[in-house]
Amino acid sequence: MTVRVGITGAAGRMGRTLVEAVAAAEGVQLAAALERPDSSLIGADAGELAGLGKNGVAVAGDLAEVIGDIDVLIDFTVPAATLANVALCAENGVAVVIGTTGFTADEQARIDAAAGKTSVCKASNFSTGVNLCFKLLDMAARVLGDDVDIEIIEAHHRHKIDAPSGTALSMGGVVANALGRDLAEVAVYGREGQTGARERETIGFATVRAGDVVGDHTVLFAADGERIEITHKASSRMSFARGAVRAAGWLAAKEPGLYDMQDVLGLKADSEDAGQLAR
């Protein structure tokens, strides 16, 4: 069965990459491309926007107009738009792949409720490499225990609107869970002034926003005399897009529920806690 995919923000950087990834994948086809209703690109050919040549899919400005044409929606936009799209998909039994980050607890609860009606795959990062890093971080934290200081450094392009990144927070969650800590209690977001000596149980976050950095993440485990760094660097949005398209094909056949990329990759059985925290 060919899975019919819809893509939101199809004219943006990530949207165009997703259109390209769908075109290159087997078992899926682009059935709808969406932009804001006031976009000047409404009616444009989505394939041409992605630099692929015409594919016959015109950019639409209203999800309700094309909801019947798709099996899965891929949404990498902003929380408000994603929540509206998820609600409409849930009403119509359309699965949703969510790459948007920066949701509040209340907004996440709305996504959880929608997952009772349709299948939802939500992840802070759809890269296969990043999801393997989640497993490595869980292992490293359990082995190194409380004998190291842990810092997370992430860098993204100047246009990213949330900080720290969802991926950095997921990495912190995996590490905190492995050590039996509550990330909300031990996270330190930036330092300035006379902060005093570092407390061992804290997990620090440092954020860089500059240029066109696609996404760099490093988790530093530092002890006296040695340190271990687990790093992932994305050089292209295609790494995220390929994962999201893979998730869309996988999700179409699933029962309603909330899934993540660990489920898609079959990693959940070996690392249930890490997978849960990677959402």
C-alpha atoms as a PDB file:
ATOM      1  CA  MET A   1       0.000   0.000   0.000  1.00  0.00           C
ATOM      2  CA  THR A   2       1.259   3.459  -0.882  1.00  0.00           C
ATOM      3  CA  VAL A   3       0.959   5.899   2.010  1.00  0.00           C
ATOM      4  CA  ARG A   4      -0.402   9.308   1.026  1.00  0.00           C
ATOM      5  CA  VAL A   5       1.544  12.035   2.822  1.00  0.00           C
ATOM      6  CA  GLY A   6       0.736  15.677   3.493  1.00  0.00           C
ATOM      7  CA  ILE A   7       3.424  18.193   4.455  1.00  0.00           C
ATOM      8  CA  THR A   8       2.864  21.453   6.303  1.00  0.00           C
ATOM      9  CA  GLY A   9       5.127  24.457   5.788  1.00  0.00           C
ATOM     10  CA  ALA A  10       5.951  23.001   2.383  1.00  0.00           C
ATOM     11  CA  ALA A  11       7.632  26.174   1.112  1.00  0.00           C
ATOM     12  CA  GLY A  12       9.971  26.520   4.092  1.00  0.00           C
ATOM     13  CA  ARG A  13      13.466  25.087   4.479  1.00  0.00           C
ATOM     14  CA  MET A  14      12.324  21.937   6.258  1.00  0.00           C
ATOM     15  CA  GLY A  15       9.181  21.627   4.168  1.00  0.00           C
ATOM     16  CA  ARG A  16      11.090  21.624   0.894  1.00  0.00           C
ATOM     17  CA  THR A  17      13.478  19.020   2.276  1.00  0.00           C
ATOM     18  CA  LEU A  18      10.532  16.845   3.323  1.00  0.00           C
ATOM     19  CA  VAL A  19       9.051  17.083  -0.179  1.00  0.00           C
ATOM     20  CA  GLU A  20      12.397  15.929  -1.548  1.00  0.00           C
ATOM     21  CA  ALA A  21      12.607  13.073   0.966  1.00  0.00           C
ATOM     22  CA  VAL A  22       9.119  11.825   0.081  1.00  0.00           C
ATOM     23  CA  ALA A  23      10.025  11.850  -3.610  1.00  0.00           C
ATOM     24  CA  ALA A  24      13.096   9.707  -2.905  1.00  0.00           C
ATOM     25  CA  ALA A  25      11.373   7.184  -0.610  1.00  0.00           C
ATOM     26  CA  GLU A  26       9.531   4.016  -1.530  1.00  0.00           C
ATOM     27  CA  GLY A  27       6.002   3.278  -0.369  1.00  0.00           C
ATOM     28  CA  VAL A  28       4.977   6.911   0.104  1.00  0.00           C
ATOM     29  CA  GLN A  29       3.747   9.654  -2.186  1.00  0.00           C
ATOM     30  CA  LEU A  30       3.134  13.358  -1.737  1.00  0.00           C
ATOM     31  CA  ALA A  31      -0.604  13.943  -1.758  1.00  0.00           C
ATOM     32  CA  ALA A  32      -0.826  17.427  -0.203  1.00  0.00           C
ATOM     33  CA  ALA A  33       1.418  20.408   0.483  1.00  0.00           C
ATOM     34  CA  LEU A  34       0.352  23.205   2.806  1.00  0.00           C
ATOM     35  CA  GLU A  35       1.354  26.764   3.638  1.00  0.00           C
ATOM     36  CA  ARG A  36      -0.191  29.622   5.608  1.00  0.00           C
ATOM     37  CA  PRO A  37      -3.452  30.872   4.045  1.00  0.00           C
ATOM     38  CA  ASP A  38      -1.889  34.291   3.370  1.00  0.00           C
ATOM     39  CA  SER A  39       1.191  32.876   1.636  1.00  0.00           C
ATOM     40  CA  SER A  40       1.932  34.181  -1.847  1.00  0.00           C
ATOM     41  CA  LEU A  41       2.875  30.625  -2.804  1.00  0.00           C
ATOM     42  CA  ILE A  42      -0.638  29.179  -2.552  1.00  0.00           C
ATOM     43  CA  GLY A  43      -1.275  27.342  -5.821  1.00  0.00           C
ATOM     44  CA  ALA A  44       2.418  26.899  -6.651  1.00  0.00           C
ATOM     45  CA  ASP A  45       3.682  23.432  -7.554  1.00  0.00           C
ATOM     46  CA  ALA A  46       5.292  21.808  -4.480  1.00  0.00           C
ATOM     47  CA  GLY A  47       7.798  19.907  -6.603  1.00  0.00           C
ATOM     48  CA  GLU A  48       9.050  23.063  -8.267  1.00  0.00           C
ATOM     49  CA  LEU A  49       9.422  24.790  -4.902  1.00  0.00           C
ATOM     50  CA  ALA A  50      11.620  21.898  -3.770  1.00  0.00           C
ATOM     51  CA  GLY A  51      13.721  22.111  -6.931  1.00  0.00           C
ATOM     52  CA  LEU A  52      12.490  18.761  -8.248  1.00  0.00           C
ATOM     53  CA  GLY A  53      10.376  19.908 -11.164  1.00  0.00           C
ATOM     54  CA  LYS A  54       6.604  19.757 -11.303  1.00  0.00           C
ATOM     55  CA  ASN A  55       4.910  16.951  -9.377  1.00  0.00           C
ATOM     56  CA  GLY A  56       1.311  18.087  -9.813  1.00  0.00           C
ATOM     57  CA  VAL A  57       0.719  18.862  -6.116  1.00  0.00           C
ATOM     58  CA  ALA A  58      -0.432  22.456  -5.685  1.00  0.00           C
ATOM     59  CA  VAL A  59       0.269  24.204  -2.382  1.00  0.00           C
ATOM     60  CA  ALA A  60      -2.960  24.620  -0.405  1.00  0.00           C
ATOM     61  CA  GLY A  61      -3.725  27.052   2.400  1.00  0.00           C
ATOM     62  CA  ASP A  62      -6.303  25.050   4.360  1.00  0.00           C
ATOM     63  CA  LEU A  63      -5.757  21.556   5.747  1.00  0.00           C
ATOM     64  CA  ALA A  64      -9.509  20.966   5.820  1.00  0.00           C
ATOM     65  CA  GLU A  65      -9.565  21.170   2.019  1.00  0.00           C
ATOM     66  CA  VAL A  66      -7.120  18.270   1.570  1.00  0.00           C
ATOM     67  CA  ILE A  67      -7.605  16.201   4.727  1.00  0.00           C
ATOM     68  CA  GLY A  68      -9.449  13.524   2.766  1.00  0.00           C
ATOM     69  CA  ASP A  69      -6.515  13.099   0.385  1.00  0.00           C
ATOM     70  CA  ILE A  70      -3.912  12.044   2.961  1.00  0.00           C
ATOM     71  CA  ASP A  71      -3.181   9.161   5.313  1.00  0.00           C
ATOM     72  CA  VAL A  72      -0.445  10.886   7.319  1.00  0.00           C
ATOM     73  CA  LEU A  73       0.443  14.537   7.954  1.00  0.00           C
ATOM     74  CA  ILE A  74       4.043  15.553   8.660  1.00  0.00           C
ATOM     75  CA  ASP A  75       4.200  18.769  10.690  1.00  0.00           C
ATOM     76  CA  PHE A  76       7.423  20.668  11.442  1.00  0.00           C
ATOM     77  CA  THR A  77       5.965  24.132  12.057  1.00  0.00           C
ATOM     78  CA  VAL A  78       5.191  25.981  15.315  1.00  0.00           C
ATOM     79  CA  PRO A  79       3.180  24.808  18.344  1.00  0.00           C
ATOM     80  CA  ALA A  80      -0.012  26.799  17.661  1.00  0.00           C
ATOM     81  CA  ALA A  81      -0.265  25.618  14.040  1.00  0.00           C
ATOM     82  CA  THR A  82       0.680  22.053  14.919  1.00  0.00           C
ATOM     83  CA  LEU A  83      -1.974  21.824  17.640  1.00  0.00           C
ATOM     84  CA  ALA A  84      -4.700  23.006  15.253  1.00  0.00           C
ATOM     85  CA  ASN A  85      -3.555  20.511  12.630  1.00  0.00           C
ATOM     86  CA  VAL A  86      -3.392  17.649  15.133  1.00  0.00           C
ATOM     87  CA  ALA A  87      -6.941  18.349  16.291  1.00  0.00           C
ATOM     88  CA  LEU A  88      -8.269  18.260  12.723  1.00  0.00           C
ATOM     89  CA  CYS A  89      -6.329  15.077  11.941  1.00  0.00           C
ATOM     90  CA  ALA A  90      -7.680  13.393  15.070  1.00  0.00           C
ATOM     91  CA  GLU A  91     -11.237  14.233  14.034  1.00  0.00           C
ATOM     92  CA  ASN A  92     -10.649  12.679  10.606  1.00  0.00           C
ATOM     93  CA  GLY A  93      -8.556   9.652  11.571  1.00  0.00           C
ATOM     94  CA  VAL A  94      -5.419  10.932   9.865  1.00  0.00           C
ATOM     95  CA  ALA A  95      -2.088   9.979  11.464  1.00  0.00           C
ATOM     96  CA  VAL A  96       0.369  12.727  12.388  1.00  0.00           C
ATOM     97  CA  VAL A  97       4.170  12.902  12.523  1.00  0.00           C
ATOM     98  CA  ILE A  98       5.183  15.824  14.756  1.00  0.00           C
ATOM     99  CA  GLY A  99       8.655  17.341  14.535  1.00  0.00           C
ATOM    100  CA  THR A 100       7.634  20.651  16.115  1.00  0.00           C
ATOM    101  CA  THR A 101       9.240  21.398  19.495  1.00  0.00           C
ATOM    102  CA  GLY A 102       8.645  23.918  22.281  1.00  0.00           C
ATOM    103  CA  PHE A 103       5.269  22.658  23.558  1.00  0.00           C
ATOM    104  CA  THR A 104       4.106  23.551  27.061  1.00  0.00           C
ATOM    105  CA  ALA A 105       2.827  20.867  29.438  1.00  0.00           C
ATOM    106  CA  ASP A 106      -0.776  21.830  28.649  1.00  0.00           C
ATOM    107  CA  GLU A 107      -0.125  21.675  24.918  1.00  0.00           C
ATOM    108  CA  GLN A 108       1.489  18.260  25.281  1.00  0.00           C
ATOM    109  CA  ALA A 109      -1.636  17.107  27.116  1.00  0.00           C
ATOM    110  CA  ARG A 110      -3.688  18.113  24.070  1.00  0.00           C
ATOM    111  CA  ILE A 111      -1.446  15.998  21.857  1.00  0.00           C
ATOM    112  CA  ASP A 112      -1.794  13.084  24.273  1.00  0.00           C
ATOM    113  CA  ALA A 113      -5.574  13.400  24.053  1.00  0.00           C
ATOM    114  CA  ALA A 114      -5.480  13.444  20.241  1.00  0.00           C
ATOM    115  CA  ALA A 115      -3.408  10.258  20.300  1.00  0.00           C
ATOM    116  CA  GLY A 116      -6.446   8.539  21.773  1.00  0.00           C
ATOM    117  CA  LYS A 117      -8.204   9.063  18.453  1.00  0.00           C
ATOM    118  CA  THR A 118      -5.404   8.643  15.891  1.00  0.00           C
ATOM    119  CA  SER A 119      -1.820   7.476  15.713  1.00  0.00           C
ATOM    120  CA  VAL A 120       0.750  10.177  16.518  1.00  0.00           C
ATOM    121  CA  CYS A 121       4.534   9.939  16.247  1.00  0.00           C
ATOM    122  CA  LYS A 122       6.199  12.818  18.102  1.00  0.00           C
ATOM    123  CA  ALA A 123       9.944  13.154  18.519  1.00  0.00           C
ATOM    124  CA  SER A 124      12.340  15.946  19.374  1.00  0.00           C
ATOM    125  CA  ASN A 125      14.597  14.646  16.614  1.00  0.00           C
ATOM    126  CA  PHE A 126      13.904  12.204  13.762  1.00  0.00           C
ATOM    127  CA  SER A 127      17.541  11.559  12.891  1.00  0.00           C
ATOM    128  CA  THR A 128      18.561   7.909  13.183  1.00  0.00           C
ATOM    129  CA  GLY A 129      21.940   9.018  14.544  1.00  0.00           C
ATOM    130  CA  VAL A 130      20.426  11.128  17.304  1.00  0.00           C
ATOM    131  CA  ASN A 131      18.160   8.295  18.393  1.00  0.00           C
ATOM    132  CA  LEU A 132      21.173   5.989  18.602  1.00  0.00           C
ATOM    133  CA  CYS A 133      22.826   8.676  20.733  1.00  0.00           C
ATOM    134  CA  PHE A 134      19.927   8.447  23.173  1.00  0.00           C
ATOM    135  CA  LYS A 135      20.848   4.803  23.766  1.00  0.00           C
ATOM    136  CA  LEU A 136      24.542   5.620  24.133  1.00  0.00           C
ATOM    137  CA  LEU A 137      23.765   8.389  26.621  1.00  0.00           C
ATOM    138  CA  ASP A 138      21.650   6.077  28.729  1.00  0.00           C
ATOM    139  CA  MET A 139      24.506   3.552  28.820  1.00  0.00           C
ATOM    140  CA  ALA A 140      27.161   6.157  29.591  1.00  0.00           C
ATOM    141  CA  ALA A 141      25.164   7.723  32.409  1.00  0.00           C
ATOM    142  CA  ARG A 142      24.517   4.352  34.070  1.00  0.00           C
ATOM    143  CA  VAL A 143      28.191   3.338  33.849  1.00  0.00           C
ATOM    144  CA  LEU A 144      29.668   6.673  34.934  1.00  0.00           C
ATOM    145  CA  GLY A 145      27.067   7.295  37.615  1.00  0.00           C
ATOM    146  CA  ASP A 146      27.589  10.185  40.005  1.00  0.00           C
ATOM    147  CA  ASP A 147      31.342  10.427  39.409  1.00  0.00           C
ATOM    148  CA  VAL A 148      31.098  12.942  36.565  1.00  0.00           C
ATOM    149  CA  ASP A 149      29.851  16.448  35.828  1.00  0.00           C
ATOM    150  CA  ILE A 150      27.390  16.511  32.930  1.00  0.00           C
ATOM    151  CA  GLU A 151      26.988  19.393  30.509  1.00  0.00           C
ATOM    152  CA  ILE A 152      24.969  19.596  27.284  1.00  0.00           C
ATOM    153  CA  ILE A 153      26.003  22.020  24.553  1.00  0.00           C
ATOM    154  CA  GLU A 154      23.819  22.606  21.491  1.00  0.00           C
ATOM    155  CA  ALA A 155      24.042  24.902  18.469  1.00  0.00           C
ATOM    156  CA  HIS A 156      21.455  25.780  15.816  1.00  0.00           C
ATOM    157  CA  HIS A 157      20.857  28.374  13.114  1.00  0.00           C
ATOM    158  CA  ARG A 158      19.851  31.923  13.946  1.00  0.00           C
ATOM    159  CA  HIS A 159      16.197  31.332  13.010  1.00  0.00           C
ATOM    160  CA  LYS A 160      15.424  28.679  15.642  1.00  0.00           C
ATOM    161  CA  ILE A 161      12.882  30.112  18.076  1.00  0.00           C
ATOM    162  CA  ASP A 162      13.121  27.803  21.109  1.00  0.00           C
ATOM    163  CA  ALA A 163      16.036  27.142  23.457  1.00  0.00           C
ATOM    164  CA  PRO A 164      17.433  24.811  24.563  1.00  0.00           C
ATOM    165  CA  SER A 165      16.529  22.635  21.617  1.00  0.00           C
ATOM    166  CA  GLY A 166      14.035  19.838  22.067  1.00  0.00           C
ATOM    167  CA  THR A 167      16.818  17.370  21.299  1.00  0.00           C
ATOM    168  CA  ALA A 168      19.050  18.814  24.026  1.00  0.00           C
ATOM    169  CA  LEU A 169      16.220  18.561  26.531  1.00  0.00           C
ATOM    170  CA  SER A 170      15.563  14.970  25.471  1.00  0.00           C
ATOM    171  CA  MET A 171      19.230  14.143  25.943  1.00  0.00           C
ATOM    172  CA  GLY A 172      19.109  15.688  29.392  1.00  0.00           C
ATOM    173  CA  GLY A 173      15.987  13.693  30.170  1.00  0.00           C
ATOM    174  CA  VAL A 174      17.611  10.413  29.153  1.00  0.00           C
ATOM    175  CA  VAL A 175      20.666  11.125  31.316  1.00  0.00           C
ATOM    176  CA  ALA A 176      18.630  12.302  34.299  1.00  0.00           C
ATOM    177  CA  ASN A 177      16.377   9.266  34.139  1.00  0.00           C
ATOM    178  CA  ALA A 178      19.361   6.902  34.017  1.00  0.00           C
ATOM    179  CA  LEU A 179      20.747   8.564  37.151  1.00  0.00           C
ATOM    180  CA  GLY A 180      17.434   8.663  39.004  1.00  0.00           C
ATOM    181  CA  ARG A 181      17.241  12.450  38.910  1.00  0.00           C
ATOM    182  CA  ASP A 182      14.373  14.806  38.046  1.00  0.00           C
ATOM    183  CA  LEU A 183      15.549  17.012  35.169  1.00  0.00           C
ATOM    184  CA  ALA A 184      13.202  19.809  36.227  1.00  0.00           C
ATOM    185  CA  GLU A 185      15.039  19.998  39.553  1.00  0.00           C
ATOM    186  CA  VAL A 186      18.654  19.595  38.410  1.00  0.00           C
ATOM    187  CA  ALA A 187      18.774  21.444  35.073  1.00  0.00           C
ATOM    188  CA  VAL A 188      20.845  24.648  34.931  1.00  0.00           C
ATOM    189  CA  TYR A 189      20.167  26.823  31.881  1.00  0.00           C
ATOM    190  CA  GLY A 190      23.168  29.063  31.403  1.00  0.00           C
ATOM    191  CA  ARG A 191      25.451  30.661  34.001  1.00  0.00           C
ATOM    192  CA  GLU A 192      26.432  34.237  34.733  1.00  0.00           C
ATOM    193  CA  GLY A 193      28.194  36.057  37.539  1.00  0.00           C
ATOM    194  CA  GLN A 194      29.312  34.556  40.845  1.00  0.00           C
ATOM    195  CA  THR A 195      27.563  31.217  40.580  1.00  0.00           C
ATOM    196  CA  GLY A 196      29.660  29.373  43.154  1.00  0.00           C
ATOM    197  CA  ALA A 197      31.136  25.909  42.797  1.00  0.00           C
ATOM    198  CA  ARG A 198      29.302  23.480  40.557  1.00  0.00           C
ATOM    199  CA  GLU A 199      26.995  21.009  42.290  1.00  0.00           C
ATOM    200  CA  ARG A 200      27.626  17.475  41.074  1.00  0.00           C
ATOM    201  CA  GLU A 201      23.994  16.485  40.510  1.00  0.00           C
ATOM    202  CA  THR A 202      23.197  19.399  38.198  1.00  0.00           C
ATOM    203  CA  ILE A 203      22.957  18.993  34.422  1.00  0.00           C
ATOM    204  CA  GLY A 204      24.018  22.120  32.585  1.00  0.00           C
ATOM    205  CA  PHE A 205      22.734  23.403  29.250  1.00  0.00           C
ATOM    206  CA  ALA A 206      24.519  25.855  26.954  1.00  0.00           C
ATOM    207  CA  THR A 207      22.888  27.217  23.793  1.00  0.00           C
ATOM    208  CA  VAL A 208      24.394  28.730  20.655  1.00  0.00           C
ATOM    209  CA  ARG A 209      22.327  30.393  17.900  1.00  0.00           C
ATOM    210  CA  ALA A 210      24.350  31.462  14.875  1.00  0.00           C
ATOM    211  CA  GLY A 211      24.535  31.366  11.101  1.00  0.00           C
ATOM    212  CA  ASP A 212      23.083  28.374   9.310  1.00  0.00           C
ATOM    213  CA  VAL A 213      24.059  25.616  11.769  1.00  0.00           C
ATOM    214  CA  VAL A 214      21.649  22.745  11.120  1.00  0.00           C
ATOM    215  CA  GLY A 215      22.044  21.145  14.533  1.00  0.00           C
ATOM    216  CA  ASP A 216      24.993  20.175  16.766  1.00  0.00           C
ATOM    217  CA  HIS A 217      24.642  18.438  20.129  1.00  0.00           C
ATOM    218  CA  THR A 218      27.348  17.350  22.564  1.00  0.00           C
ATOM    219  CA  VAL A 219      26.904  15.751  25.971  1.00  0.00           C
ATOM    220  CA  LEU A 220      30.034  16.080  28.104  1.00  0.00           C
ATOM    221  CA  PHE A 221      30.741  13.659  30.964  1.00  0.00           C
ATOM    222  CA  ALA A 222      33.703  15.187  32.824  1.00  0.00           C
ATOM    223  CA  ALA A 223      35.581  13.572  35.709  1.00  0.00           C
ATOM    224  CA  ASP A 224      38.928  14.429  37.285  1.00  0.00           C
ATOM    225  CA  GLY A 225      41.561  13.349  34.786  1.00  0.00           C
ATOM    226  CA  GLU A 226      39.315  12.361  31.882  1.00  0.00           C
ATOM    227  CA  ARG A 227      36.175  13.259  29.993  1.00  0.00           C
ATOM    228  CA  ILE A 228      33.847  11.540  27.550  1.00  0.00           C
ATOM    229  CA  GLU A 229      31.936  13.425  24.846  1.00  0.00           C
ATOM    230  CA  ILE A 230      29.042  12.004  22.867  1.00  0.00           C
ATOM    231  CA  THR A 231      28.402  14.250  19.872  1.00  0.00           C
ATOM    232  CA  HIS A 232      25.999  14.346  16.958  1.00  0.00           C
ATOM    233  CA  LYS A 233      26.355  16.888  14.157  1.00  0.00           C
ATOM    234  CA  ALA A 234      23.780  17.270  11.413  1.00  0.00           C
ATOM    235  CA  SER A 235      25.096  18.706   8.163  1.00  0.00           C
ATOM    236  CA  SER A 236      21.763  18.613   6.343  1.00  0.00           C
ATOM    237  CA  ARG A 237      18.076  18.728   7.227  1.00  0.00           C
ATOM    238  CA  MET A 238      17.739  15.642   5.065  1.00  0.00           C
ATOM    239  CA  SER A 239      18.771  13.490   8.043  1.00  0.00           C
ATOM    240  CA  PHE A 240      15.655  14.670   9.878  1.00  0.00           C
ATOM    241  CA  ALA A 241      13.445  14.513   6.794  1.00  0.00           C
ATOM    242  CA  ARG A 242      14.357  10.933   5.927  1.00  0.00           C
ATOM    243  CA  GLY A 243      13.539   9.861   9.467  1.00  0.00           C
ATOM    244  CA  ALA A 244      10.203  11.687   9.444  1.00  0.00           C
ATOM    245  CA  VAL A 245       9.212  10.104   6.139  1.00  0.00           C
ATOM    246  CA  ARG A 246      10.238   6.697   7.473  1.00  0.00           C
ATOM    247  CA  ALA A 247       8.063   7.370  10.518  1.00  0.00           C
ATOM    248  CA  ALA A 248       5.123   8.349   8.294  1.00  0.00           C
ATOM    249  CA  GLY A 249       5.272   5.085   6.390  1.00  0.00           C
ATOM    250  CA  TRP A 250       5.513   3.131   9.639  1.00  0.00           C
ATOM    251  CA  LEU A 251       2.778   5.089  11.422  1.00  0.00           C
ATOM    252  CA  ALA A 252       0.095   4.662   8.770  1.00  0.00           C
ATOM    253  CA  ALA A 253      -0.537   1.055   9.794  1.00  0.00           C
ATOM    254  CA  LYS A 254      -0.552   1.661  13.556  1.00  0.00           C
ATOM    255  CA  GLU A 255      -3.456   1.832  15.968  1.00  0.00           C
ATOM    256  CA  PRO A 256      -4.205   5.128  17.755  1.00  0.00           C
ATOM    257  CA  GLY A 257      -1.561   5.982  20.312  1.00  0.00           C
ATOM    258  CA  LEU A 258       1.475   8.132  20.993  1.00  0.00           C
ATOM    259  CA  TYR A 259       4.691   6.803  19.471  1.00  0.00           C
ATOM    260  CA  ASP A 260       8.215   8.133  19.011  1.00  0.00           C
ATOM    261  CA  MET A 261      11.231   7.502  16.801  1.00  0.00           C
ATOM    262  CA  GLN A 262      12.504   4.844  19.187  1.00  0.00           C
ATOM    263  CA  ASP A 263       9.376   2.860  18.309  1.00  0.00           C
ATOM    264  CA  VAL A 264       9.928   3.381  14.585  1.00  0.00           C
ATOM    265  CA  LEU A 265      13.531   2.143  14.802  1.00  0.00           C
ATOM    266  CA  GLY A 266      12.688  -0.819  17.036  1.00  0.00           C
ATOM    267  CA  LEU A 267      14.880   0.460  19.872  1.00  0.00           C
ATOM    268  CA  LYS A 268      12.175   0.674  22.511  1.00  0.00           C
ATOM    269  CA  ALA A 269      12.456  -2.949  23.670  1.00  0.00           C
ATOM    270  CA  ASP A 270      16.093  -2.399  24.656  1.00  0.00           C
ATOM    271  CA  SER A 271      15.699   1.079  26.083  1.00  0.00           C
ATOM    272  CA  GLU A 272      12.143   1.758  27.179  1.00  0.00           C
ATOM    273  CA  ASP A 273      12.968   4.662  29.478  1.00  0.00           C
ATOM    274  CA  ALA A 274      15.250   6.382  26.972  1.00  0.00           C
ATOM    275  CA  GLY A 275      12.609   6.079  24.298  1.00  0.00           C
ATOM    276  CA  GLN A 276       9.896   7.570  26.478  1.00  0.00           C
ATOM    277  CA  LEU A 277      12.075  10.553  27.325  1.00  0.00           C
ATOM    278  CA  ALA A 278      13.073  11.120  23.701  1.00  0.00           C
ATOM    279  CA  ARG A 279       9.582  12.330  22.776  1.00  0.00           C
END
